[in-house]
């Protein structure tokens, strides 16, 4: 991993509700941990622990101590941490509206993670009954994006 990638990861880690994250890439390992708010003391800055990496390989990311995701039966949830967008571009019509019926596999939104736009698709045929997140809002893994009624 490059120094810029590590710095960007630390900045993202500080803004998310994750207490600890460990990343392994070949011989390179990075572990970040922050402490829960206790006694009104500020949390110490996360300290990266790294060993040199010989060559880039597949990245294995493991999130530890993340708050449990609340998954209801009738919701469509975020498959990743990132920023939610309801439309393909600023000013464009949203992918879905309340009352709209969507089919399994239809794009219902976008989650941007690490500057990559990821289409979020409906997991089953349903009708949108409520939009639970605002455009541009940060989302967590498993966070409910839409309340739906299965068709």
Protein backbone atom coordinates (compact mmCIF):
# COMPACT_ATOMS: atom_id res chain seq x y z
CA UNK A 1 0.00 0.00 0.00
CA UNK A 2 1.17 3.49 -0.77
CA UNK A 3 1.52 6.14 1.90
CA UNK A 4 -1.34 8.15 0.33
CA UNK A 5 -3.63 5.08 0.44
CA UNK A 6 -2.87 4.56 4.13
CA UNK A 7 -3.49 8.23 4.91
CA UNK A 8 -6.83 8.13 3.04
CA UNK A 9 -7.82 4.93 4.85
CA UNK A 10 -7.02 6.51 8.25
CA UNK A 11 -9.10 9.59 7.40
CA UNK A 12 -12.03 7.38 6.32
CA UNK A 13 -11.64 5.24 9.47
CA UNK A 14 -11.82 8.32 11.72
CA UNK A 15 -15.15 9.39 10.21
CA UNK A 16 -16.87 5.98 10.44
CA UNK A 17 -18.46 4.24 13.39
CA UNK A 18 -15.91 1.41 13.38
CA UNK A 19 -13.70 0.76 16.41
CA UNK A 20 -11.07 -1.46 14.85
CA UNK A 21 -9.95 -2.50 11.36
CA UNK A 22 -7.18 -4.83 10.20
CA UNK A 23 -5.90 -5.00 6.61
CA UNK A 24 -3.51 -7.63 5.23
CA UNK A 25 -1.89 -7.40 1.82
CA UNK A 26 0.82 -10.02 1.37
CA UNK A 27 3.42 -9.36 4.09
CA UNK A 28 1.97 -5.89 4.73
CA UNK A 29 -0.40 -5.60 7.68
CA UNK A 30 -2.17 -2.49 8.96
CA UNK A 31 -4.31 -2.38 12.09
CA UNK A 32 -6.23 0.69 13.26
CA UNK A 33 -8.10 0.92 16.54
CA UNK A 34 -9.93 3.71 18.32
CA UNK A 35 -11.42 3.76 21.77
CA UNK A 36 -15.03 4.31 22.81
CA UNK A 37 -15.94 7.69 24.26
CA UNK A 38 -15.30 7.32 27.96
CA UNK A 39 -15.31 9.96 30.64
CA UNK A 40 -15.45 12.77 28.03
CA UNK A 41 -11.82 12.15 27.04
CA UNK A 42 -10.90 12.50 23.38
CA UNK A 43 -10.04 9.23 21.65
CA UNK A 44 -6.34 8.85 20.87
CA UNK A 45 -5.37 9.03 17.20
CA UNK A 46 -5.19 5.60 15.57
CA UNK A 47 -1.64 4.38 15.16
CA UNK A 48 -0.84 2.29 12.10
CA UNK A 49 1.34 -0.76 12.59
CA UNK A 50 3.03 -1.71 9.35
CA UNK A 51 5.67 -4.02 7.96
CA UNK A 52 7.13 -3.59 4.46
CA UNK A 53 5.30 -5.22 1.56
CA UNK A 54 7.34 -6.88 -1.19
CA UNK A 55 4.74 -6.75 -4.01
CA UNK A 56 1.03 -5.91 -4.38
CA UNK A 57 -1.31 -8.84 -3.87
CA UNK A 58 -4.99 -9.33 -3.16
CA UNK A 59 -6.18 -7.26 -0.20
CA UNK A 60 -7.95 -8.98 2.67
CA UNK A 61 -9.89 -6.49 4.82
CA UNK A 62 -11.30 -7.57 8.17
CA UNK A 63 -13.50 -5.24 10.22
CA UNK A 64 -13.59 -6.04 13.93
CA UNK A 65 -15.89 -4.61 16.65
CA UNK A 66 -18.26 -2.98 14.19
CA UNK A 67 -21.68 -2.19 15.62
CA UNK A 68 -24.13 -4.95 14.68
CA UNK A 69 -26.08 -4.20 11.52
CA UNK A 70 -29.81 -3.89 12.05
CA UNK A 71 -31.41 -5.82 9.23
CA UNK A 72 -35.19 -5.86 9.05
CA UNK A 73 -37.07 -8.34 6.85
CA UNK A 74 -38.55 -5.65 4.63
CA UNK A 75 -35.60 -3.40 3.89
CA UNK A 76 -32.99 -3.10 1.19
CA UNK A 77 -29.61 -2.62 2.87
CA UNK A 78 -26.22 -1.22 1.97
CA UNK A 79 -23.73 -3.95 1.07
CA UNK A 80 -20.79 -1.71 2.00
CA UNK A 81 -19.55 1.37 3.83
CA UNK A 82 -19.53 4.55 1.75
CA UNK A 83 -21.60 7.50 0.59
CA UNK A 84 -25.12 6.89 -0.75
CA UNK A 85 -26.35 8.62 -3.91
CA UNK A 86 -29.98 8.37 -5.02
CA UNK A 87 -29.35 9.44 -8.64
CA UNK A 88 -26.74 8.65 -11.32
CA UNK A 89 -25.50 12.27 -11.35
CA UNK A 90 -26.25 15.58 -9.59
CA UNK A 91 -29.54 17.03 -10.85
CA UNK A 92 -30.64 13.75 -12.47
CA UNK A 93 -33.87 11.98 -11.52
CA UNK A 94 -33.48 9.50 -8.63
CA UNK A 95 -33.28 5.79 -9.40
CA UNK A 96 -36.41 5.07 -7.33
CA UNK A 97 -39.26 6.98 -5.66
CA UNK A 98 -41.70 6.09 -2.88
CA UNK A 99 -44.46 3.89 -4.28
CA UNK A 100 -42.37 2.68 -7.21
CA UNK A 101 -42.22 -1.05 -7.95
CA UNK A 102 -38.77 -2.47 -8.66
CA UNK A 103 -37.65 -5.83 -9.93
CA UNK A 104 -34.82 -7.95 -8.55
CA UNK A 105 -31.51 -6.70 -9.99
CA UNK A 106 -32.79 -3.19 -10.81
CA UNK A 107 -30.45 -0.37 -9.69
CA UNK A 108 -31.93 1.48 -6.70
CA UNK A 109 -28.95 3.70 -5.80
CA UNK A 110 -25.18 4.08 -5.75
CA UNK A 111 -22.70 3.75 -2.89
CA UNK A 112 -19.35 5.43 -3.42
CA UNK A 113 -16.49 3.73 -1.62
CA UNK A 114 -12.84 4.77 -2.10
CA UNK A 115 -13.81 6.89 -5.15
CA UNK A 116 -15.47 3.90 -6.86
CA UNK A 117 -19.19 4.12 -7.71
CA UNK A 118 -21.00 0.85 -6.91
CA UNK A 119 -24.50 0.22 -8.23
CA UNK A 120 -26.86 -1.05 -5.53
CA UNK A 121 -29.46 -3.45 -6.90
CA UNK A 122 -32.76 -4.67 -5.46
CA UNK A 123 -32.36 -8.11 -3.92
CA UNK A 124 -35.97 -9.09 -4.68
CA UNK A 125 -39.11 -7.76 -6.37
CA UNK A 126 -40.65 -5.10 -4.14
CA UNK A 127 -42.37 -1.74 -3.84
CA UNK A 128 -40.53 1.18 -2.20
CA UNK A 129 -42.51 2.30 0.85
CA UNK A 130 -39.94 4.68 2.40
CA UNK A 131 -36.50 6.09 1.56
CA UNK A 132 -34.46 5.88 4.77
CA UNK A 133 -31.28 7.76 3.79
CA UNK A 134 -30.64 11.14 2.20
CA UNK A 135 -28.67 11.73 -0.97
CA UNK A 136 -24.99 12.17 -0.10
CA UNK A 137 -25.38 10.59 3.36
CA UNK A 138 -22.63 8.28 4.69
CA UNK A 139 -23.86 4.70 5.13
CA UNK A 140 -22.55 1.68 7.00
CA UNK A 141 -22.47 -1.97 6.00
CA UNK A 142 -25.94 -3.50 6.49
CA UNK A 143 -27.60 -0.11 7.05
CA UNK A 144 -31.22 -0.01 5.80
CA UNK A 145 -31.51 2.23 2.73
CA UNK A 146 -35.16 1.61 1.78
CA UNK A 147 -38.21 0.23 3.58
CA UNK A 148 -40.05 -2.00 1.09
CA UNK A 149 -43.00 -4.30 0.67
CA UNK A 150 -42.18 -7.57 -1.05
CA UNK A 151 -44.20 -8.33 -4.16
